[in-house]
């Protein structure tokens, strides 16, 4: 579960970012389990 990952595996995190000509078009961090990620 995402709540369990946040509490028990705090180092797990990933981010997806889209930078176009120095402008940030997408920037989100998540802690989903890997298949969902």
ModelCIF file with pLDDT and N, C-alpha, C, O atoms, coordinates in Angstrom:
data_MODEL
#
_entry.id   MODEL 
#
_entity.id                         1 
_entity.type                       polymer 
_entity.pdbx_number_of_molecules   1 
#
_entity_poly.entity_id                      1 
_entity_poly.type                           'polypeptide(L)' 
_entity_poly.nstd_linkage                   no 
_entity_poly.nstd_monomer                   no 
_entity_poly.pdbx_seq_one_letter_code       
;(UNK)(UNK)(UNK)(UNK)(UNK)(UNK)(UNK)(UNK)(UNK)(UNK)(UNK)(UNK)(UNK)(UNK)(UNK)(UNK)
(UNK)(UNK)(UNK)(UNK)(UNK)(UNK)(UNK)(UNK)(UNK)(UNK)(UNK)(UNK)(UNK)(UNK)(UNK)(UNK)
(UNK)(UNK)(UNK)(UNK)(UNK)
;
_entity_poly.pdbx_seq_one_letter_code_can   XXXXXXXXXXXXXXXXXXXXXXXXXXXXXXXXXXXXX 
_entity_poly.pdbx_strand_id                 A 
#
loop_
_entity_poly_seq.entity_id 
_entity_poly_seq.num 
_entity_poly_seq.mon_id 
_entity_poly_seq.hetero 
1 1  UNK n 
1 2  UNK n 
1 3  UNK n 
1 4  UNK n 
1 5  UNK n 
1 6  UNK n 
1 7  UNK n 
1 8  UNK n 
1 9  UNK n 
1 10 UNK n 
1 11 UNK n 
1 12 UNK n 
1 13 UNK n 
1 14 UNK n 
1 15 UNK n 
1 16 UNK n 
1 17 UNK n 
1 18 UNK n 
1 19 UNK n 
1 20 UNK n 
1 21 UNK n 
1 22 UNK n 
1 23 UNK n 
1 24 UNK n 
1 25 UNK n 
1 26 UNK n 
1 27 UNK n 
1 28 UNK n 
1 29 UNK n 
1 30 UNK n 
1 31 UNK n 
1 32 UNK n 
1 33 UNK n 
1 34 UNK n 
1 35 UNK n 
1 36 UNK n 
1 37 UNK n 
#
_struct_asym.id          A 
_struct_asym.entity_id   1 
#
loop_
_ma_qa_metric.id 
_ma_qa_metric.mode 
_ma_qa_metric.name 
_ma_qa_metric.software_group_id 
_ma_qa_metric.type 
1 global pLDDT . pLDDT 
2 local  pLDDT . pLDDT 
#
_ma_qa_metric_global.metric_id      1 
_ma_qa_metric_global.metric_value   92.84 
_ma_qa_metric_global.model_id       1 
_ma_qa_metric_global.ordinal_id     1 
#
loop_
_ma_qa_metric_local.label_asym_id 
_ma_qa_metric_local.label_comp_id 
_ma_qa_metric_local.label_seq_id 
_ma_qa_metric_local.metric_id 
_ma_qa_metric_local.metric_value 
_ma_qa_metric_local.model_id 
_ma_qa_metric_local.ordinal_id 
A UNK 1  2 96.00 1 1  
A UNK 2  2 95.00 1 2  
A UNK 3  2 95.00 1 3  
A UNK 4  2 95.00 1 4  
A UNK 5  2 95.00 1 5  
A UNK 6  2 94.00 1 6  
A UNK 7  2 94.00 1 7  
A UNK 8  2 94.00 1 8  
A UNK 9  2 94.00 1 9  
A UNK 10 2 93.00 1 10 
A UNK 11 2 92.00 1 11 
A UNK 12 2 95.00 1 12 
A UNK 13 2 96.00 1 13 
A UNK 14 2 96.00 1 14 
A UNK 15 2 96.00 1 15 
A UNK 16 2 96.00 1 16 
A UNK 17 2 95.00 1 17 
A UNK 18 2 94.00 1 18 
A UNK 19 2 91.00 1 19 
A UNK 20 2 82.00 1 20 
A UNK 21 2 75.00 1 21 
A UNK 22 2 74.00 1 22 
A UNK 23 2 85.00 1 23 
A UNK 24 2 89.00 1 24 
A UNK 25 2 90.00 1 25 
A UNK 26 2 92.00 1 26 
A UNK 27 2 94.00 1 27 
A UNK 28 2 95.00 1 28 
A UNK 29 2 96.00 1 29 
A UNK 30 2 95.00 1 30 
A UNK 31 2 95.00 1 31 
A UNK 32 2 96.00 1 32 
A UNK 33 2 97.00 1 33 
A UNK 34 2 96.00 1 34 
A UNK 35 2 96.00 1 35 
A UNK 36 2 96.00 1 36 
A UNK 37 2 96.00 1 37 
#
loop_
_atom_site.group_PDB 
_atom_site.id 
_atom_site.type_symbol 
_atom_site.label_atom_id 
_atom_site.label_alt_id 
_atom_site.label_comp_id 
_atom_site.label_asym_id 
_atom_site.label_entity_id 
_atom_site.label_seq_id 
_atom_site.pdbx_PDB_ins_code 
_atom_site.Cartn_x 
_atom_site.Cartn_y 
_atom_site.Cartn_z 
_atom_site.occupancy 
_atom_site.B_iso_or_equiv 
_atom_site.pdbx_formal_charge 
_atom_site.auth_seq_id 
_atom_site.auth_comp_id 
_atom_site.auth_asym_id 
_atom_site.auth_atom_id 
_atom_site.pdbx_PDB_model_num 
ATOM 1   N N  . UNK A 1 1  ? 0.850  -1.188 0.000   1.00 96.00 ? 1  UNK A N  1 
ATOM 2   C CA . UNK A 1 1  ? 0.000  0.000  0.000   1.00 96.00 ? 1  UNK A CA 1 
ATOM 3   C C  . UNK A 1 1  ? 0.889  1.242  0.000   1.00 96.00 ? 1  UNK A C  1 
ATOM 4   O O  . UNK A 1 1  ? 1.993  1.232  0.544   1.00 96.00 ? 1  UNK A O  1 
ATOM 5   N N  . UNK A 1 2  ? 0.390  2.303  -0.615  1.00 95.00 ? 2  UNK A N  1 
ATOM 6   C CA . UNK A 1 2  ? 1.166  3.532  -0.666  1.00 95.00 ? 2  UNK A CA 1 
ATOM 7   C C  . UNK A 1 2  ? 1.445  4.073  0.729   1.00 95.00 ? 2  UNK A C  1 
ATOM 8   O O  . UNK A 1 2  ? 2.533  4.586  0.987   1.00 95.00 ? 2  UNK A O  1 
ATOM 9   N N  . UNK A 1 3  ? 0.472  3.962  1.633   1.00 95.00 ? 3  UNK A N  1 
ATOM 10  C CA . UNK A 1 3  ? 0.681  4.450  3.002   1.00 95.00 ? 3  UNK A CA 1 
ATOM 11  C C  . UNK A 1 3  ? 1.780  3.664  3.701   1.00 95.00 ? 3  UNK A C  1 
ATOM 12  O O  . UNK A 1 3  ? 2.561  4.231  4.464   1.00 95.00 ? 3  UNK A O  1 
ATOM 13  N N  . UNK A 1 4  ? 1.845  2.361  3.446   1.00 95.00 ? 4  UNK A N  1 
ATOM 14  C CA . UNK A 1 4  ? 2.890  1.533  4.055   1.00 95.00 ? 4  UNK A CA 1 
ATOM 15  C C  . UNK A 1 4  ? 4.253  1.888  3.492   1.00 95.00 ? 4  UNK A C  1 
ATOM 16  O O  . UNK A 1 4  ? 5.241  1.919  4.225   1.00 95.00 ? 4  UNK A O  1 
ATOM 17  N N  . UNK A 1 5  ? 4.314  2.156  2.197   1.00 95.00 ? 5  UNK A N  1 
ATOM 18  C CA . UNK A 1 5  ? 5.583  2.538  1.591   1.00 95.00 ? 5  UNK A CA 1 
ATOM 19  C C  . UNK A 1 5  ? 6.089  3.862  2.154   1.00 95.00 ? 5  UNK A C  1 
ATOM 20  O O  . UNK A 1 5  ? 7.284  4.020  2.406   1.00 95.00 ? 5  UNK A O  1 
ATOM 21  N N  . UNK A 1 6  ? 5.183  4.803  2.348   1.00 94.00 ? 6  UNK A N  1 
ATOM 22  C CA . UNK A 1 6  ? 5.594  6.098  2.902   1.00 94.00 ? 6  UNK A CA 1 
ATOM 23  C C  . UNK A 1 6  ? 6.195  5.933  4.296   1.00 94.00 ? 6  UNK A C  1 
ATOM 24  O O  . UNK A 1 6  ? 7.156  6.613  4.657   1.00 94.00 ? 6  UNK A O  1 
ATOM 25  N N  . UNK A 1 7  ? 5.620  5.026  5.064   1.00 94.00 ? 7  UNK A N  1 
ATOM 26  C CA . UNK A 1 7  ? 6.053  4.869  6.452   1.00 94.00 ? 7  UNK A CA 1 
ATOM 27  C C  . UNK A 1 7  ? 7.242  3.930  6.593   1.00 94.00 ? 7  UNK A C  1 
ATOM 28  O O  . UNK A 1 7  ? 8.155  4.200  7.373   1.00 94.00 ? 7  UNK A O  1 
ATOM 29  N N  . UNK A 1 8  ? 7.241  2.832  5.850   1.00 94.00 ? 8  UNK A N  1 
ATOM 30  C CA . UNK A 1 8  ? 8.238  1.782  6.063   1.00 94.00 ? 8  UNK A CA 1 
ATOM 31  C C  . UNK A 1 8  ? 9.406  1.832  5.078   1.00 94.00 ? 8  UNK A C  1 
ATOM 32  O O  . UNK A 1 8  ? 10.485 1.319  5.372   1.00 94.00 ? 8  UNK A O  1 
ATOM 33  N N  . UNK A 1 9  ? 9.198  2.445  3.917   1.00 94.00 ? 9  UNK A N  1 
ATOM 34  C CA . UNK A 1 9  ? 10.283 2.568  2.921   1.00 94.00 ? 9  UNK A CA 1 
ATOM 35  C C  . UNK A 1 9  ? 10.367 4.036  2.500   1.00 94.00 ? 9  UNK A C  1 
ATOM 36  O O  . UNK A 1 9  ? 10.040 4.370  1.361   1.00 94.00 ? 9  UNK A O  1 
ATOM 37  N N  . UNK A 1 10 ? 10.798 4.907  3.397   1.00 93.00 ? 10 UNK A N  1 
ATOM 38  C CA . UNK A 1 10 ? 10.786 6.355  3.114   1.00 93.00 ? 10 UNK A CA 1 
ATOM 39  C C  . UNK A 1 10 ? 11.725 6.770  1.994   1.00 93.00 ? 10 UNK A C  1 
ATOM 40  O O  . UNK A 1 10 ? 11.590 7.872  1.461   1.00 93.00 ? 10 UNK A O  1 
ATOM 41  N N  . UNK A 1 11 ? 12.674 5.917  1.623   1.00 92.00 ? 11 UNK A N  1 
ATOM 42  C CA . UNK A 1 11 ? 13.600 6.292  0.548   1.00 92.00 ? 11 UNK A CA 1 
ATOM 43  C C  . UNK A 1 11 ? 12.991 6.074  -0.836  1.00 92.00 ? 11 UNK A C  1 
ATOM 44  O O  . UNK A 1 11 ? 13.537 6.541  -1.836  1.00 92.00 ? 11 UNK A O  1 
ATOM 45  N N  . UNK A 1 12 ? 11.860 5.364  -0.895  1.00 95.00 ? 12 UNK A N  1 
ATOM 46  C CA . UNK A 1 12 ? 11.250 5.093  -2.208  1.00 95.00 ? 12 UNK A CA 1 
ATOM 47  C C  . UNK A 1 12 ? 10.457 6.307  -2.680  1.00 95.00 ? 12 UNK A C  1 
ATOM 48  O O  . UNK A 1 12 ? 9.501  6.736  -2.035  1.00 95.00 ? 12 UNK A O  1 
ATOM 49  N N  . UNK A 1 13 ? 10.876 6.850  -3.820  1.00 96.00 ? 13 UNK A N  1 
ATOM 50  C CA . UNK A 1 13 ? 10.179 7.993  -4.409  1.00 96.00 ? 13 UNK A CA 1 
ATOM 51  C C  . UNK A 1 13 ? 10.644 8.127  -5.857  1.00 96.00 ? 13 UNK A C  1 
ATOM 52  O O  . UNK A 1 13 ? 11.788 7.808  -6.183  1.00 96.00 ? 13 UNK A O  1 
ATOM 53  N N  . UNK A 1 14 ? 9.759  8.595  -6.707  1.00 96.00 ? 14 UNK A N  1 
ATOM 54  C CA . UNK A 1 14 ? 10.144 8.854  -8.091  1.00 96.00 ? 14 UNK A CA 1 
ATOM 55  C C  . UNK A 1 14 ? 9.446  10.123 -8.559  1.00 96.00 ? 14 UNK A C  1 
ATOM 56  O O  . UNK A 1 14 ? 8.419  10.530 -8.016  1.00 96.00 ? 14 UNK A O  1 
ATOM 57  N N  . UNK A 1 15 ? 10.034 10.738 -9.583  1.00 96.00 ? 15 UNK A N  1 
ATOM 58  C CA . UNK A 1 15 ? 9.510  12.004 -10.091 1.00 96.00 ? 15 UNK A CA 1 
ATOM 59  C C  . UNK A 1 15 ? 9.497  11.981 -11.608 1.00 96.00 ? 15 UNK A C  1 
ATOM 60  O O  . UNK A 1 15 ? 10.395 11.426 -12.240 1.00 96.00 ? 15 UNK A O  1 
ATOM 61  N N  . UNK A 1 16 ? 8.467  12.591 -12.188 1.00 96.00 ? 16 UNK A N  1 
ATOM 62  C CA . UNK A 1 16 ? 8.407  12.794 -13.627 1.00 96.00 ? 16 UNK A CA 1 
ATOM 63  C C  . UNK A 1 16 ? 8.342  14.293 -13.884 1.00 96.00 ? 16 UNK A C  1 
ATOM 64  O O  . UNK A 1 16 ? 7.462  14.986 -13.373 1.00 96.00 ? 16 UNK A O  1 
ATOM 65  N N  . UNK A 1 17 ? 9.278  14.780 -14.677 1.00 95.00 ? 17 UNK A N  1 
ATOM 66  C CA . UNK A 1 17 ? 9.376  16.216 -14.932 1.00 95.00 ? 17 UNK A CA 1 
ATOM 67  C C  . UNK A 1 17 ? 9.519  16.450 -16.437 1.00 95.00 ? 17 UNK A C  1 
ATOM 68  O O  . UNK A 1 17 ? 10.247 15.733 -17.123 1.00 95.00 ? 17 UNK A O  1 
ATOM 69  N N  . UNK A 1 18 ? 8.821  17.451 -16.929 1.00 94.00 ? 18 UNK A N  1 
ATOM 70  C CA . UNK A 1 18 ? 8.945  17.866 -18.321 1.00 94.00 ? 18 UNK A CA 1 
ATOM 71  C C  . UNK A 1 18 ? 9.386  19.319 -18.324 1.00 94.00 ? 18 UNK A C  1 
ATOM 72  O O  . UNK A 1 18 ? 8.668  20.201 -17.853 1.00 94.00 ? 18 UNK A O  1 
ATOM 73  N N  . UNK A 1 19 ? 10.579 19.557 -18.863 1.00 91.00 ? 19 UNK A N  1 
ATOM 74  C CA . UNK A 1 19 ? 11.160 20.901 -18.913 1.00 91.00 ? 19 UNK A CA 1 
ATOM 75  C C  . UNK A 1 19 ? 11.367 21.271 -20.371 1.00 91.00 ? 19 UNK A C  1 
ATOM 76  O O  . UNK A 1 19 ? 12.172 20.648 -21.062 1.00 91.00 ? 19 UNK A O  1 
ATOM 77  N N  . UNK A 1 20 ? 10.651 22.273 -20.840 1.00 82.00 ? 20 UNK A N  1 
ATOM 78  C CA . UNK A 1 20 ? 10.765 22.715 -22.222 1.00 82.00 ? 20 UNK A CA 1 
ATOM 79  C C  . UNK A 1 20 ? 11.228 24.158 -22.247 1.00 82.00 ? 20 UNK A C  1 
ATOM 80  O O  . UNK A 1 20 ? 10.534 25.054 -21.767 1.00 82.00 ? 20 UNK A O  1 
ATOM 81  N N  . UNK A 1 21 ? 12.414 24.376 -22.814 1.00 75.00 ? 21 UNK A N  1 
ATOM 82  C CA . UNK A 1 21 ? 13.002 25.711 -22.887 1.00 75.00 ? 21 UNK A CA 1 
ATOM 83  C C  . UNK A 1 21 ? 12.982 26.395 -21.521 1.00 75.00 ? 21 UNK A C  1 
ATOM 84  O O  . UNK A 1 21 ? 12.591 27.554 -21.379 1.00 75.00 ? 21 UNK A O  1 
ATOM 85  N N  . UNK A 1 22 ? 13.419 25.626 -20.529 1.00 74.00 ? 22 UNK A N  1 
ATOM 86  C CA . UNK A 1 22 ? 13.557 26.077 -19.145 1.00 74.00 ? 22 UNK A CA 1 
ATOM 87  C C  . UNK A 1 22 ? 12.218 26.313 -18.445 1.00 74.00 ? 22 UNK A C  1 
ATOM 88  O O  . UNK A 1 22 ? 12.193 26.756 -17.296 1.00 74.00 ? 22 UNK A O  1 
ATOM 89  N N  . UNK A 1 23 ? 11.112 26.024 -19.122 1.00 85.00 ? 23 UNK A N  1 
ATOM 90  C CA . UNK A 1 23 ? 9.795  26.149 -18.491 1.00 85.00 ? 23 UNK A CA 1 
ATOM 91  C C  . UNK A 1 23 ? 9.357  24.780 -17.981 1.00 85.00 ? 23 UNK A C  1 
ATOM 92  O O  . UNK A 1 23 ? 9.522  23.775 -18.672 1.00 85.00 ? 23 UNK A O  1 
ATOM 93  N N  . UNK A 1 24 ? 8.800  24.740 -16.777 1.00 89.00 ? 24 UNK A N  1 
ATOM 94  C CA . UNK A 1 24 ? 8.342  23.488 -16.176 1.00 89.00 ? 24 UNK A CA 1 
ATOM 95  C C  . UNK A 1 24 ? 6.913  23.222 -16.615 1.00 89.00 ? 24 UNK A C  1 
ATOM 96  O O  . UNK A 1 24 ? 5.996  23.952 -16.237 1.00 89.00 ? 24 UNK A O  1 
ATOM 97  N N  . UNK A 1 25 ? 6.720  22.173 -17.416 1.00 90.00 ? 25 UNK A N  1 
ATOM 98  C CA . UNK A 1 25 ? 5.383  21.846 -17.911 1.00 90.00 ? 25 UNK A CA 1 
ATOM 99  C C  . UNK A 1 25 ? 4.737  20.727 -17.104 1.00 90.00 ? 25 UNK A C  1 
ATOM 100 O O  . UNK A 1 25 ? 3.514  20.587 -17.097 1.00 90.00 ? 25 UNK A O  1 
ATOM 101 N N  . UNK A 1 26 ? 5.553  19.936 -16.431 1.00 92.00 ? 26 UNK A N  1 
ATOM 102 C CA . UNK A 1 26 ? 5.027  18.834 -15.604 1.00 92.00 ? 26 UNK A CA 1 
ATOM 103 C C  . UNK A 1 26 ? 6.062  18.542 -14.541 1.00 92.00 ? 26 UNK A C  1 
ATOM 104 O O  . UNK A 1 26 ? 7.250  18.438 -14.845 1.00 92.00 ? 26 UNK A O  1 
ATOM 105 N N  . UNK A 1 27 ? 5.631  18.408 -13.299 1.00 94.00 ? 27 UNK A N  1 
ATOM 106 C CA . UNK A 1 27 ? 6.581  18.154 -12.214 1.00 94.00 ? 27 UNK A CA 1 
ATOM 107 C C  . UNK A 1 27 ? 5.851  17.531 -11.032 1.00 94.00 ? 27 UNK A C  1 
ATOM 108 O O  . UNK A 1 27 ? 5.295  18.243 -10.196 1.00 94.00 ? 27 UNK A O  1 
ATOM 109 N N  . UNK A 1 28 ? 5.854  16.221 -10.963 1.00 95.00 ? 28 UNK A N  1 
ATOM 110 C CA . UNK A 1 28 ? 5.139  15.528 -9.889  1.00 95.00 ? 28 UNK A CA 1 
ATOM 111 C C  . UNK A 1 28 ? 5.998  14.414 -9.298  1.00 95.00 ? 28 UNK A C  1 
ATOM 112 O O  . UNK A 1 28 ? 6.717  13.715 -10.011 1.00 95.00 ? 28 UNK A O  1 
ATOM 113 N N  . UNK A 1 29 ? 5.905  14.267 -7.967  1.00 96.00 ? 29 UNK A N  1 
ATOM 114 C CA . UNK A 1 29 ? 6.613  13.222 -7.230  1.00 96.00 ? 29 UNK A CA 1 
ATOM 115 C C  . UNK A 1 29 ? 5.575  12.235 -6.695  1.00 96.00 ? 29 UNK A C  1 
ATOM 116 O O  . UNK A 1 29 ? 4.504  12.637 -6.239  1.00 96.00 ? 29 UNK A O  1 
ATOM 117 N N  . UNK A 1 30 ? 5.893  10.962 -6.752  1.00 95.00 ? 30 UNK A N  1 
ATOM 118 C CA . UNK A 1 30 ? 4.966  9.928  -6.300  1.00 95.00 ? 30 UNK A CA 1 
ATOM 119 C C  . UNK A 1 30 ? 5.713  8.846  -5.513  1.00 95.00 ? 30 UNK A C  1 
ATOM 120 O O  . UNK A 1 30 ? 6.936  8.734  -5.599  1.00 95.00 ? 30 UNK A O  1 
ATOM 121 N N  . UNK A 1 31 ? 4.960  8.054  -4.747  1.00 95.00 ? 31 UNK A N  1 
ATOM 122 C CA . UNK A 1 31 ? 5.501  6.925  -3.986  1.00 95.00 ? 31 UNK A CA 1 
ATOM 123 C C  . UNK A 1 31 ? 4.675  5.665  -4.246  1.00 95.00 ? 31 UNK A C  1 
ATOM 124 O O  . UNK A 1 31 ? 4.479  4.852  -3.343  1.00 95.00 ? 31 UNK A O  1 
ATOM 125 N N  . UNK A 1 32 ? 4.198  5.504  -5.465  1.00 96.00 ? 32 UNK A N  1 
ATOM 126 C CA . UNK A 1 32 ? 3.395  4.348  -5.809  1.00 96.00 ? 32 UNK A CA 1 
ATOM 127 C C  . UNK A 1 32 ? 4.236  3.070  -5.758  1.00 96.00 ? 32 UNK A C  1 
ATOM 128 O O  . UNK A 1 32 ? 5.454  3.129  -5.925  1.00 96.00 ? 32 UNK A O  1 
ATOM 129 N N  . UNK A 1 33 ? 3.598  1.915  -5.530  1.00 97.00 ? 33 UNK A N  1 
ATOM 130 C CA . UNK A 1 33 ? 4.311  0.642  -5.714  1.00 97.00 ? 33 UNK A CA 1 
ATOM 131 C C  . UNK A 1 33 ? 4.770  0.528  -7.166  1.00 97.00 ? 33 UNK A C  1 
ATOM 132 O O  . UNK A 1 33 ? 4.213  1.182  -8.047  1.00 97.00 ? 33 UNK A O  1 
ATOM 133 N N  . UNK A 1 34 ? 5.770  -0.289 -7.412  1.00 96.00 ? 34 UNK A N  1 
ATOM 134 C CA . UNK A 1 34 ? 6.496  -0.228 -8.677  1.00 96.00 ? 34 UNK A CA 1 
ATOM 135 C C  . UNK A 1 34 ? 5.650  -0.523 -9.911  1.00 96.00 ? 34 UNK A C  1 
ATOM 136 O O  . UNK A 1 34 ? 5.815  0.148  -10.929 1.00 96.00 ? 34 UNK A O  1 
ATOM 137 N N  . UNK A 1 35 ? 4.762  -1.490 -9.856  1.00 96.00 ? 35 UNK A N  1 
ATOM 138 C CA . UNK A 1 35 ? 3.961  -1.798 -11.042 1.00 96.00 ? 35 UNK A CA 1 
ATOM 139 C C  . UNK A 1 35 ? 3.032  -0.639 -11.382 1.00 96.00 ? 35 UNK A C  1 
ATOM 140 O O  . UNK A 1 35 ? 2.862  -0.291 -12.550 1.00 96.00 ? 35 UNK A O  1 
ATOM 141 N N  . UNK A 1 36 ? 2.442  -0.054 -10.370 1.00 96.00 ? 36 UNK A N  1 
ATOM 142 C CA . UNK A 1 36 ? 1.600  1.119  -10.589 1.00 96.00 ? 36 UNK A CA 1 
ATOM 143 C C  . UNK A 1 36 ? 2.448  2.300  -11.058 1.00 96.00 ? 36 UNK A C  1 
ATOM 144 O O  . UNK A 1 36 ? 2.013  3.101  -11.885 1.00 96.00 ? 36 UNK A O  1 
ATOM 145 N N  . UNK A 1 37 ? 3.659  2.393  -10.519 1.00 96.00 ? 37 UNK A N  1 
ATOM 146 C CA . UNK A 1 37 ? 4.558  3.481  -10.909 1.00 96.00 ? 37 UNK A CA 1 
ATOM 147 C C  . UNK A 1 37 ? 4.886  3.408  -12.396 1.00 96.00 ? 37 UNK A C  1 
ATOM 148 O O  . UNK A 1 37 ? 5.631  4.244  -12.906 1.00 96.00 ? 37 UNK A O  1 
#
